[in-house]
Amino acid sequence: MNNPVEQISWWSSEALPPCGRLLAALVGDVYVVRDMMARYTARGKTPPPGLRRQYARDRHWICDSEDGSPFTLGWVCEHLGLDAQAVRGTYLSGQQLALRPQGGARDLQHAA
């Protein structure tokens, strides 16, 4: 499956250092899991237990506080130059990630 973040040209592998690609993959993966759950639901099928657990963890991560702790949604979005509220909004509404970084990503060499 394609990473939704990488569908935006700014997020191409060449545009971000390795740490940035890791953070972009983290954001993209929650959308992939959400969409897989939606496909099961649309077909009236029960998702596998592992997928249900990951979906619950992803929703918790998306909805969790933005205290700035490493790897929280707020922290990840800050380092990618994204608006965390916009990411949360697209995720919860079932929309695809179609965001542009706000002023460019921070120096991701020392982000993690």
N, C-alpha and C. Protein backbone atom coordinates (compact mmCIF):
# COMPACT_ATOMS: atom_id res chain seq x y z
N MET A 1 0.84 -1.19 0.00
CA MET A 1 0.00 0.00 0.00
C MET A 1 0.88 1.24 0.00
N ASN A 2 0.39 2.25 -0.67
CA ASN A 2 1.13 3.50 -0.69
C ASN A 2 0.93 4.26 0.61
N ASN A 3 1.98 4.94 1.02
CA ASN A 3 1.90 5.80 2.19
C ASN A 3 1.22 7.09 1.75
N PRO A 4 0.07 7.48 2.35
CA PRO A 4 -0.63 8.68 1.92
C PRO A 4 0.22 9.93 2.01
N VAL A 5 1.14 9.96 2.96
CA VAL A 5 2.00 11.14 3.10
C VAL A 5 2.91 11.27 1.88
N GLU A 6 3.41 10.16 1.37
CA GLU A 6 4.33 10.21 0.24
C GLU A 6 3.65 10.56 -1.07
N GLN A 7 2.32 10.53 -1.11
CA GLN A 7 1.61 10.93 -2.32
C GLN A 7 1.73 12.43 -2.55
N ILE A 8 2.10 13.16 -1.54
CA ILE A 8 2.32 14.60 -1.66
C ILE A 8 3.78 14.78 -2.03
N SER A 9 4.08 15.48 -3.09
CA SER A 9 5.44 15.54 -3.61
C SER A 9 6.44 16.04 -2.57
N TRP A 10 6.03 16.92 -1.68
CA TRP A 10 6.96 17.44 -0.68
C TRP A 10 7.48 16.32 0.21
N TRP A 11 6.67 15.27 0.41
CA TRP A 11 7.04 14.19 1.32
C TRP A 11 7.84 13.09 0.64
N SER A 12 8.27 13.33 -0.60
CA SER A 12 9.02 12.28 -1.28
C SER A 12 10.29 11.95 -0.50
N SER A 13 10.79 10.78 -0.72
CA SER A 13 11.96 10.32 0.02
C SER A 13 13.13 11.28 -0.08
N GLU A 14 13.27 11.95 -1.20
CA GLU A 14 14.39 12.86 -1.39
C GLU A 14 14.21 14.15 -0.59
N ALA A 15 12.97 14.49 -0.25
CA ALA A 15 12.69 15.77 0.41
C ALA A 15 12.96 15.74 1.90
N LEU A 16 13.00 14.56 2.50
CA LEU A 16 13.17 14.46 3.95
C LEU A 16 14.37 13.59 4.29
N PRO A 17 15.05 13.94 5.38
CA PRO A 17 16.13 13.06 5.87
C PRO A 17 15.51 11.79 6.46
N PRO A 18 16.31 10.78 6.74
CA PRO A 18 15.77 9.51 7.24
C PRO A 18 14.83 9.65 8.44
N CYS A 19 15.17 10.49 9.41
CA CYS A 19 14.29 10.65 10.57
C CYS A 19 12.94 11.23 10.14
N GLY A 20 12.96 12.14 9.20
CA GLY A 20 11.72 12.73 8.69
C GLY A 20 10.87 11.70 7.99
N ARG A 21 11.51 10.81 7.24
CA ARG A 21 10.76 9.74 6.57
C ARG A 21 10.12 8.81 7.59
N LEU A 22 10.82 8.56 8.69
CA LEU A 22 10.25 7.73 9.75
C LEU A 22 9.00 8.39 10.34
N LEU A 23 9.07 9.68 10.62
CA LEU A 23 7.92 10.39 11.17
C LEU A 23 6.77 10.46 10.17
N ALA A 24 7.10 10.67 8.90
CA ALA A 24 6.06 10.71 7.86
C ALA A 24 5.40 9.34 7.74
N ALA A 25 6.18 8.27 7.85
CA ALA A 25 5.62 6.92 7.79
C ALA A 25 4.71 6.65 8.98
N LEU A 26 5.07 7.17 10.14
CA LEU A 26 4.23 7.02 11.33
C LEU A 26 2.86 7.65 11.11
N VAL A 27 2.85 8.87 10.58
CA VAL A 27 1.58 9.54 10.30
C VAL A 27 0.81 8.79 9.22
N GLY A 28 1.49 8.41 8.16
CA GLY A 28 0.82 7.72 7.06
C GLY A 28 0.23 6.39 7.47
N ASP A 29 0.89 5.68 8.37
CA ASP A 29 0.42 4.36 8.78
C ASP A 29 -0.93 4.42 9.49
N VAL A 30 -1.17 5.45 10.28
CA VAL A 30 -2.47 5.52 10.98
C VAL A 30 -3.61 5.67 9.98
N TYR A 31 -3.35 6.33 8.86
CA TYR A 31 -4.38 6.45 7.81
C TYR A 31 -4.59 5.12 7.11
N VAL A 32 -3.54 4.37 6.89
CA VAL A 32 -3.65 3.05 6.24
C VAL A 32 -4.49 2.12 7.11
N VAL A 33 -4.21 2.09 8.41
CA VAL A 33 -4.96 1.24 9.32
C VAL A 33 -6.42 1.68 9.38
N ARG A 34 -6.65 2.99 9.47
CA ARG A 34 -8.03 3.51 9.49
C ARG A 34 -8.79 3.07 8.25
N ASP A 35 -8.16 3.18 7.09
CA ASP A 35 -8.82 2.83 5.84
C ASP A 35 -9.08 1.32 5.74
N MET A 36 -8.18 0.51 6.27
CA MET A 36 -8.40 -0.93 6.29
C MET A 36 -9.62 -1.25 7.16
N MET A 37 -9.73 -0.60 8.30
CA MET A 37 -10.90 -0.81 9.17
C MET A 37 -12.18 -0.41 8.46
N ALA A 38 -12.14 0.69 7.75
CA ALA A 38 -13.33 1.17 7.03
C ALA A 38 -13.76 0.17 5.97
N ARG A 39 -12.80 -0.46 5.28
CA ARG A 39 -13.15 -1.46 4.27
C ARG A 39 -13.83 -2.68 4.90
N TYR A 40 -13.33 -3.13 6.03
CA TYR A 40 -13.99 -4.24 6.72
C TYR A 40 -15.41 -3.86 7.11
N THR A 41 -15.56 -2.68 7.69
CA THR A 41 -16.88 -2.21 8.13
C THR A 41 -17.83 -2.10 6.95
N ALA A 42 -17.36 -1.54 5.84
CA ALA A 42 -18.21 -1.38 4.65
C ALA A 42 -18.70 -2.73 4.12
N ARG A 43 -17.90 -3.76 4.29
CA ARG A 43 -18.28 -5.10 3.82
C ARG A 43 -19.05 -5.89 4.87
N GLY A 44 -19.23 -5.29 6.04
CA GLY A 44 -19.95 -5.98 7.11
C GLY A 44 -19.16 -7.12 7.71
N LYS A 45 -17.83 -7.06 7.61
CA LYS A 45 -16.99 -8.13 8.13
C LYS A 45 -16.28 -7.66 9.40
N THR A 46 -15.97 -8.61 10.24
CA THR A 46 -15.24 -8.32 11.48
C THR A 46 -13.74 -8.27 11.18
N PRO A 47 -13.09 -7.17 11.51
CA PRO A 47 -11.64 -7.08 11.28
C PRO A 47 -10.88 -8.04 12.18
N PRO A 48 -9.70 -8.46 11.76
CA PRO A 48 -8.88 -9.33 12.61
C PRO A 48 -8.53 -8.63 13.93
N PRO A 49 -8.33 -9.39 14.99
CA PRO A 49 -8.04 -8.79 16.30
C PRO A 49 -6.83 -7.84 16.29
N GLY A 50 -5.77 -8.22 15.58
CA GLY A 50 -4.58 -7.36 15.53
C GLY A 50 -4.87 -6.01 14.90
N LEU A 51 -5.68 -6.00 13.86
CA LEU A 51 -6.05 -4.75 13.21
C LEU A 51 -6.92 -3.90 14.13
N ARG A 52 -7.84 -4.55 14.84
CA ARG A 52 -8.69 -3.80 15.79
C ARG A 52 -7.85 -3.17 16.89
N ARG A 53 -6.88 -3.92 17.41
CA ARG A 53 -5.99 -3.37 18.45
C ARG A 53 -5.19 -2.19 17.93
N GLN A 54 -4.63 -2.34 16.72
CA GLN A 54 -3.82 -1.25 16.17
C GLN A 54 -4.68 -0.02 15.90
N TYR A 55 -5.88 -0.21 15.41
CA TYR A 55 -6.80 0.90 15.16
C TYR A 55 -7.11 1.64 16.47
N ALA A 56 -7.36 0.89 17.54
CA ALA A 56 -7.63 1.52 18.84
C ALA A 56 -6.43 2.31 19.32
N ARG A 57 -5.24 1.75 19.15
CA ARG A 57 -4.01 2.47 19.55
C ARG A 57 -3.81 3.71 18.71
N ASP A 58 -4.06 3.60 17.41
CA ASP A 58 -3.90 4.76 16.52
C ASP A 58 -4.88 5.87 16.88
N ARG A 59 -6.14 5.50 17.14
CA ARG A 59 -7.13 6.52 17.53
C ARG A 59 -6.73 7.21 18.83
N HIS A 60 -6.21 6.43 19.76
CA HIS A 60 -5.75 7.02 21.02
C HIS A 60 -4.60 8.00 20.73
N TRP A 61 -3.68 7.61 19.88
CA TRP A 61 -2.54 8.47 19.54
C TRP A 61 -3.01 9.75 18.87
N ILE A 62 -3.95 9.63 17.93
CA ILE A 62 -4.47 10.80 17.21
C ILE A 62 -5.21 11.73 18.17
N CYS A 63 -5.96 11.18 19.09
CA CYS A 63 -6.80 11.99 19.99
C CYS A 63 -6.09 12.40 21.27
N ASP A 64 -4.90 11.87 21.51
CA ASP A 64 -4.17 12.14 22.75
C ASP A 64 -3.77 13.61 22.83
N SER A 65 -3.37 14.01 24.01
CA SER A 65 -2.97 15.40 24.23
C SER A 65 -1.76 15.76 23.38
N GLU A 66 -1.56 17.03 23.24
CA GLU A 66 -0.41 17.54 22.49
C GLU A 66 0.56 18.18 23.45
N ASP A 67 1.05 17.39 24.39
CA ASP A 67 1.94 17.94 25.41
C ASP A 67 3.36 18.16 24.92
N GLY A 68 3.66 17.79 23.69
CA GLY A 68 4.98 17.99 23.13
C GLY A 68 5.98 16.90 23.46
N SER A 69 5.52 15.84 24.12
CA SER A 69 6.41 14.73 24.40
C SER A 69 6.81 14.07 23.09
N PRO A 70 8.02 13.51 23.03
CA PRO A 70 8.47 12.87 21.79
C PRO A 70 7.48 11.83 21.29
N PHE A 71 7.23 11.89 20.01
CA PHE A 71 6.40 10.96 19.25
C PHE A 71 4.91 11.09 19.51
N THR A 72 4.47 12.11 20.26
CA THR A 72 3.03 12.41 20.30
C THR A 72 2.67 13.03 18.96
N LEU A 73 1.39 13.06 18.65
CA LEU A 73 0.95 13.65 17.38
C LEU A 73 1.45 15.08 17.25
N GLY A 74 1.32 15.87 18.29
CA GLY A 74 1.76 17.27 18.23
C GLY A 74 3.24 17.39 17.94
N TRP A 75 4.04 16.57 18.58
CA TRP A 75 5.49 16.61 18.40
C TRP A 75 5.86 16.19 16.97
N VAL A 76 5.24 15.10 16.50
CA VAL A 76 5.52 14.62 15.15
C VAL A 76 5.13 15.68 14.12
N CYS A 77 3.94 16.24 14.28
CA CYS A 77 3.47 17.26 13.33
C CYS A 77 4.36 18.50 13.36
N GLU A 78 4.79 18.89 14.55
CA GLU A 78 5.69 20.05 14.66
C GLU A 78 6.97 19.81 13.87
N HIS A 79 7.52 18.62 13.98
CA HIS A 79 8.77 18.31 13.29
C HIS A 79 8.58 18.13 11.78
N LEU A 80 7.36 17.83 11.37
CA LEU A 80 7.08 17.70 9.94
C LEU A 80 6.52 18.99 9.35
N GLY A 81 6.29 19.99 10.18
CA GLY A 81 5.72 21.24 9.69
C GLY A 81 4.25 21.14 9.36
N LEU A 82 3.54 20.26 10.06
CA LEU A 82 2.11 20.07 9.83
C LEU A 82 1.30 20.65 10.98
N ASP A 83 0.06 20.97 10.70
CA ASP A 83 -0.88 21.41 11.72
C ASP A 83 -1.53 20.16 12.33
N ALA A 84 -1.25 19.90 13.59
CA ALA A 84 -1.76 18.69 14.24
C ALA A 84 -3.29 18.64 14.23
N GLN A 85 -3.94 19.78 14.41
CA GLN A 85 -5.41 19.80 14.40
C GLN A 85 -5.95 19.40 13.01
N ALA A 86 -5.28 19.85 11.97
CA ALA A 86 -5.71 19.48 10.61
C ALA A 86 -5.50 17.99 10.37
N VAL A 87 -4.39 17.44 10.83
CA VAL A 87 -4.13 16.01 10.69
C VAL A 87 -5.20 15.24 11.45
N ARG A 88 -5.47 15.64 12.68
CA ARG A 88 -6.50 14.98 13.49
C ARG A 88 -7.86 15.07 12.80
N GLY A 89 -8.18 16.25 12.28
CA GLY A 89 -9.47 16.44 11.62
C GLY A 89 -9.66 15.56 10.41
N THR A 90 -8.64 15.46 9.56
CA THR A 90 -8.78 14.61 8.37
C THR A 90 -8.88 13.14 8.77
N TYR A 91 -8.13 12.75 9.78
CA TYR A 91 -8.17 11.36 10.23
C TYR A 91 -9.56 11.01 10.74
N LEU A 92 -10.07 11.82 11.66
CA LEU A 92 -11.35 11.51 12.31
C LEU A 92 -12.54 11.62 11.36
N SER A 93 -12.42 12.45 10.33
CA SER A 93 -13.52 12.62 9.38
C SER A 93 -13.47 11.60 8.24
N GLY A 94 -12.42 10.80 8.19
CA GLY A 94 -12.31 9.79 7.14
C GLY A 94 -11.73 10.33 5.85
N GLN A 95 -11.27 11.57 5.87
CA GLN A 95 -10.68 12.16 4.67
C GLN A 95 -9.25 11.68 4.51
N GLN A 96 -8.76 11.84 3.28
CA GLN A 96 -7.37 11.50 3.01
C GLN A 96 -6.47 12.65 3.46
N LEU A 97 -5.25 12.33 3.75
CA LEU A 97 -4.27 13.32 4.15
C LEU A 97 -3.85 14.11 2.92
N ALA A 98 -4.20 15.38 2.89
CA ALA A 98 -3.84 16.25 1.76
C ALA A 98 -3.34 17.56 2.35
N LEU A 99 -2.25 17.45 3.07
CA LEU A 99 -1.73 18.61 3.78
C LEU A 99 -0.42 19.07 3.20
N ARG A 100 -0.14 20.32 3.40
CA ARG A 100 1.14 20.89 3.02
C ARG A 100 1.85 21.32 4.29
N PRO A 101 3.15 21.15 4.35
CA PRO A 101 3.87 21.59 5.54
C PRO A 101 3.75 23.10 5.71
N GLN A 102 3.70 23.53 6.94
CA GLN A 102 3.62 24.95 7.24
C GLN A 102 5.03 25.49 7.44
N GLY A 103 5.58 26.11 6.43
CA GLY A 103 6.90 26.70 6.56
C GLY A 103 8.03 25.69 6.53
N GLY A 104 7.76 24.47 6.13
CA GLY A 104 8.81 23.47 6.02
C GLY A 104 9.04 22.74 7.33
N ALA A 105 9.58 21.57 7.21
CA ALA A 105 9.86 20.75 8.38
C ALA A 105 11.06 21.31 9.14
N ARG A 106 11.07 21.08 10.43
CA ARG A 106 12.21 21.49 11.25
C ARG A 106 13.42 20.63 10.91
N ASP A 107 14.54 20.99 11.47
CA ASP A 107 15.75 20.22 11.26
C ASP A 107 15.55 18.85 11.91
N LEU A 108 15.34 17.85 11.08
CA LEU A 108 15.00 16.54 11.58
C LEU A 108 16.24 15.69 11.89
N GLN A 109 17.41 16.24 11.68
CA GLN A 109 18.62 15.49 11.99
C GLN A 109 18.67 15.15 13.49
N HIS A 110 18.13 16.03 14.33
CA HIS A 110 18.22 15.84 15.77
C HIS A 110 16.84 15.74 16.41
N ALA A 111 15.82 15.41 15.63
CA ALA A 111 14.45 15.41 16.13
C ALA A 111 14.18 14.26 17.09
N ALA A 112 14.72 13.12 16.80
CA ALA A 112 14.37 11.94 17.62
C ALA A 112 15.30 11.76 18.78
